[in-house]
Amino acid sequence: MFSQTKTGMGELMNTAIFSMVEAKFAMGDFNQMILHRTDKAQLKATAKKDNVAGFVFMSYPSAICCFAL
């Protein structure tokens, strides 16, 4: 099960990276444009560090939706 999950994540990351490359090729570097046009976050997440058996990893226990429906 672990190896299937790891393989699936590898394929997902390859797809995500390829999509990002396609977007940058089509639009150029659009990071600054997005940052200048954004007023406030639509989703806020809190993060905390957890230590499990000597391994420190980030966990995100809650996320708050910030926009009105």
N, C-alpha and C. Protein backbone atom coordinates (compact mmCIF):
# COMPACT_ATOMS: atom_id res chain seq x y z
N MET A 1 0.83 -1.19 0.00
CA MET A 1 0.00 0.00 0.00
C MET A 1 0.88 1.26 0.00
N PHE A 2 1.93 1.27 0.80
CA PHE A 2 2.80 2.43 0.87
C PHE A 2 3.46 2.71 -0.47
N SER A 3 3.93 1.66 -1.14
CA SER A 3 4.60 1.86 -2.43
C SER A 3 3.63 2.37 -3.49
N GLN A 4 2.37 1.93 -3.43
CA GLN A 4 1.36 2.42 -4.37
C GLN A 4 1.09 3.91 -4.14
N THR A 5 1.01 4.30 -2.88
CA THR A 5 0.78 5.71 -2.54
C THR A 5 1.97 6.55 -2.99
N LYS A 6 3.18 6.05 -2.73
CA LYS A 6 4.38 6.77 -3.12
C LYS A 6 4.47 6.92 -4.64
N THR A 7 4.15 5.85 -5.36
CA THR A 7 4.16 5.91 -6.83
C THR A 7 3.10 6.88 -7.34
N GLY A 8 1.92 6.84 -6.73
CA GLY A 8 0.85 7.75 -7.12
C GLY A 8 1.23 9.20 -6.89
N MET A 9 1.89 9.49 -5.76
CA MET A 9 2.33 10.85 -5.49
C MET A 9 3.39 11.30 -6.49
N GLY A 10 4.28 10.38 -6.88
CA GLY A 10 5.29 10.72 -7.88
C GLY A 10 4.66 11.09 -9.21
N GLU A 11 3.67 10.32 -9.62
CA GLU A 11 2.97 10.63 -10.88
C GLU A 11 2.22 11.95 -10.78
N LEU A 12 1.59 12.19 -9.63
CA LEU A 12 0.85 13.44 -9.42
C LEU A 12 1.79 14.64 -9.46
N MET A 13 2.95 14.52 -8.85
CA MET A 13 3.92 15.62 -8.85
C MET A 13 4.45 15.88 -10.26
N ASN A 14 4.69 14.82 -11.03
CA ASN A 14 5.13 15.01 -12.42
C ASN A 14 4.08 15.76 -13.22
N THR A 15 2.82 15.42 -13.02
CA THR A 15 1.73 16.12 -13.72
C THR A 15 1.66 17.58 -13.29
N ALA A 16 1.81 17.82 -11.99
CA ALA A 16 1.74 19.19 -11.48
C ALA A 16 2.89 20.04 -12.01
N ILE A 17 4.08 19.48 -12.04
CA ILE A 17 5.24 20.23 -12.54
C ILE A 17 5.08 20.53 -14.02
N PHE A 18 4.60 19.55 -14.78
CA PHE A 18 4.41 19.76 -16.21
C PHE A 18 3.34 20.84 -16.46
N SER A 19 2.28 20.84 -15.66
CA SER A 19 1.24 21.87 -15.79
C SER A 19 1.80 23.25 -15.48
N MET A 20 2.65 23.33 -14.48
CA MET A 20 3.26 24.62 -14.14
C MET A 20 4.17 25.11 -15.26
N VAL A 21 4.93 24.21 -15.87
CA VAL A 21 5.80 24.58 -16.99
C VAL A 21 4.97 25.06 -18.17
N GLU A 22 3.85 24.38 -18.45
CA GLU A 22 2.97 24.82 -19.54
C GLU A 22 2.43 26.22 -19.28
N ALA A 23 2.01 26.48 -18.04
CA ALA A 23 1.46 27.79 -17.71
C ALA A 23 2.52 28.88 -17.83
N LYS A 24 3.73 28.60 -17.36
CA LYS A 24 4.80 29.60 -17.48
C LYS A 24 5.19 29.83 -18.93
N PHE A 25 5.14 28.79 -19.75
CA PHE A 25 5.44 28.95 -21.16
C PHE A 25 4.40 29.83 -21.84
N ALA A 26 3.13 29.64 -21.47
CA ALA A 26 2.05 30.40 -22.10
C ALA A 26 1.99 31.85 -21.60
N MET A 27 2.22 32.06 -20.31
CA MET A 27 2.03 33.39 -19.71
C MET A 27 3.31 34.08 -19.28
N GLY A 28 4.41 33.38 -19.22
CA GLY A 28 5.62 33.96 -18.64
C GLY A 28 5.58 33.77 -17.13
N ASP A 29 6.43 34.46 -16.42
CA ASP A 29 6.45 34.36 -14.97
C ASP A 29 5.33 35.23 -14.40
N PHE A 30 4.24 34.61 -14.00
CA PHE A 30 3.04 35.34 -13.57
C PHE A 30 2.91 35.43 -12.05
N ASN A 31 3.90 35.01 -11.30
CA ASN A 31 3.82 35.02 -9.85
C ASN A 31 3.61 36.43 -9.30
N GLN A 32 4.39 37.40 -9.75
CA GLN A 32 4.27 38.77 -9.25
C GLN A 32 2.92 39.39 -9.63
N MET A 33 2.41 39.06 -10.82
CA MET A 33 1.11 39.57 -11.25
C MET A 33 0.01 39.08 -10.31
N ILE A 34 0.07 37.82 -9.92
CA ILE A 34 -0.93 37.27 -9.01
C ILE A 34 -0.82 37.92 -7.64
N LEU A 35 0.40 38.10 -7.15
CA LEU A 35 0.58 38.70 -5.83
C LEU A 35 0.08 40.14 -5.80
N HIS A 36 0.26 40.90 -6.87
CA HIS A 36 -0.19 42.30 -6.90
C HIS A 36 -1.71 42.40 -7.03
N ARG A 37 -2.36 41.43 -7.65
CA ARG A 37 -3.81 41.50 -7.86
C ARG A 37 -4.63 40.88 -6.74
N THR A 38 -3.98 40.26 -5.78
CA THR A 38 -4.68 39.58 -4.70
C THR A 38 -4.78 40.49 -3.49
N ASP A 39 -5.99 40.68 -2.99
CA ASP A 39 -6.19 41.52 -1.82
C ASP A 39 -6.04 40.74 -0.52
N LYS A 40 -6.76 39.62 -0.41
CA LYS A 40 -6.65 38.82 0.79
C LYS A 40 -6.86 37.35 0.45
N ALA A 41 -6.42 36.50 1.33
CA ALA A 41 -6.50 35.06 1.09
C ALA A 41 -7.94 34.57 1.18
N GLN A 42 -8.29 33.61 0.35
CA GLN A 42 -9.61 33.00 0.43
C GLN A 42 -9.63 31.84 1.43
N LEU A 43 -8.47 31.31 1.75
CA LEU A 43 -8.37 30.18 2.67
C LEU A 43 -7.15 30.40 3.56
N LYS A 44 -7.35 30.30 4.85
CA LYS A 44 -6.24 30.44 5.79
C LYS A 44 -6.06 29.11 6.52
N ALA A 45 -4.84 28.63 6.56
CA ALA A 45 -4.54 27.38 7.23
C ALA A 45 -3.57 27.63 8.37
N THR A 46 -3.78 26.94 9.47
CA THR A 46 -2.83 27.00 10.57
C THR A 46 -1.92 25.78 10.48
N ALA A 47 -0.67 25.97 10.80
CA ALA A 47 0.30 24.88 10.71
C ALA A 47 0.97 24.70 12.06
N LYS A 48 1.30 23.46 12.35
CA LYS A 48 2.07 23.19 13.55
C LYS A 48 3.01 22.03 13.27
N LYS A 49 4.10 21.99 14.04
CA LYS A 49 5.09 20.93 13.87
C LYS A 49 4.74 19.79 14.81
N ASP A 50 4.70 18.58 14.29
CA ASP A 50 4.48 17.39 15.09
C ASP A 50 5.72 16.54 15.07
N ASN A 51 6.03 15.91 16.19
CA ASN A 51 7.18 15.03 16.30
C ASN A 51 6.65 13.62 16.54
N VAL A 52 6.83 12.76 15.58
CA VAL A 52 6.38 11.38 15.68
C VAL A 52 7.59 10.47 15.53
N ALA A 53 7.93 9.80 16.60
CA ALA A 53 9.04 8.85 16.61
C ALA A 53 10.34 9.49 16.10
N GLY A 54 10.57 10.73 16.48
CA GLY A 54 11.80 11.40 16.09
C GLY A 54 11.76 12.11 14.75
N PHE A 55 10.67 11.99 14.03
CA PHE A 55 10.52 12.68 12.74
C PHE A 55 9.62 13.89 12.93
N VAL A 56 10.12 15.04 12.52
CA VAL A 56 9.35 16.27 12.62
C VAL A 56 8.68 16.54 11.29
N PHE A 57 7.37 16.74 11.32
CA PHE A 57 6.65 17.06 10.09
C PHE A 57 5.59 18.10 10.39
N MET A 58 5.18 18.79 9.36
CA MET A 58 4.16 19.83 9.49
C MET A 58 2.78 19.21 9.38
N SER A 59 1.87 19.67 10.20
CA SER A 59 0.48 19.25 10.08
C SER A 59 -0.39 20.49 10.02
N TYR A 60 -1.50 20.36 9.39
CA TYR A 60 -2.43 21.47 9.19
C TYR A 60 -3.77 21.08 9.79
N PRO A 61 -3.96 21.33 11.09
CA PRO A 61 -5.16 20.85 11.77
C PRO A 61 -6.45 21.54 11.36
N SER A 62 -6.38 22.77 10.89
CA SER A 62 -7.62 23.45 10.52
C SER A 62 -7.37 24.43 9.39
N ALA A 63 -8.42 24.68 8.66
CA ALA A 63 -8.39 25.70 7.61
C ALA A 63 -9.70 26.47 7.71
N ILE A 64 -9.61 27.76 7.55
CA ILE A 64 -10.79 28.62 7.68
C ILE A 64 -11.05 29.27 6.33
N CYS A 65 -12.27 29.13 5.87
CA CYS A 65 -12.67 29.75 4.61
C CYS A 65 -12.95 31.23 4.87
N CYS A 66 -12.34 32.10 4.10
CA CYS A 66 -12.41 33.54 4.39
C CYS A 66 -13.32 34.33 3.48
N PHE A 67 -13.94 33.70 2.50
CA PHE A 67 -14.79 34.48 1.59
C PHE A 67 -16.24 34.12 1.82
N ALA A 68 -17.10 35.11 1.62
CA ALA A 68 -18.54 34.91 1.83
C ALA A 68 -19.16 34.26 0.61
N LEU A 69 -20.05 33.33 0.85
CA LEU A 69 -20.74 32.67 -0.26
C LEU A 69 -21.98 33.42 -0.66
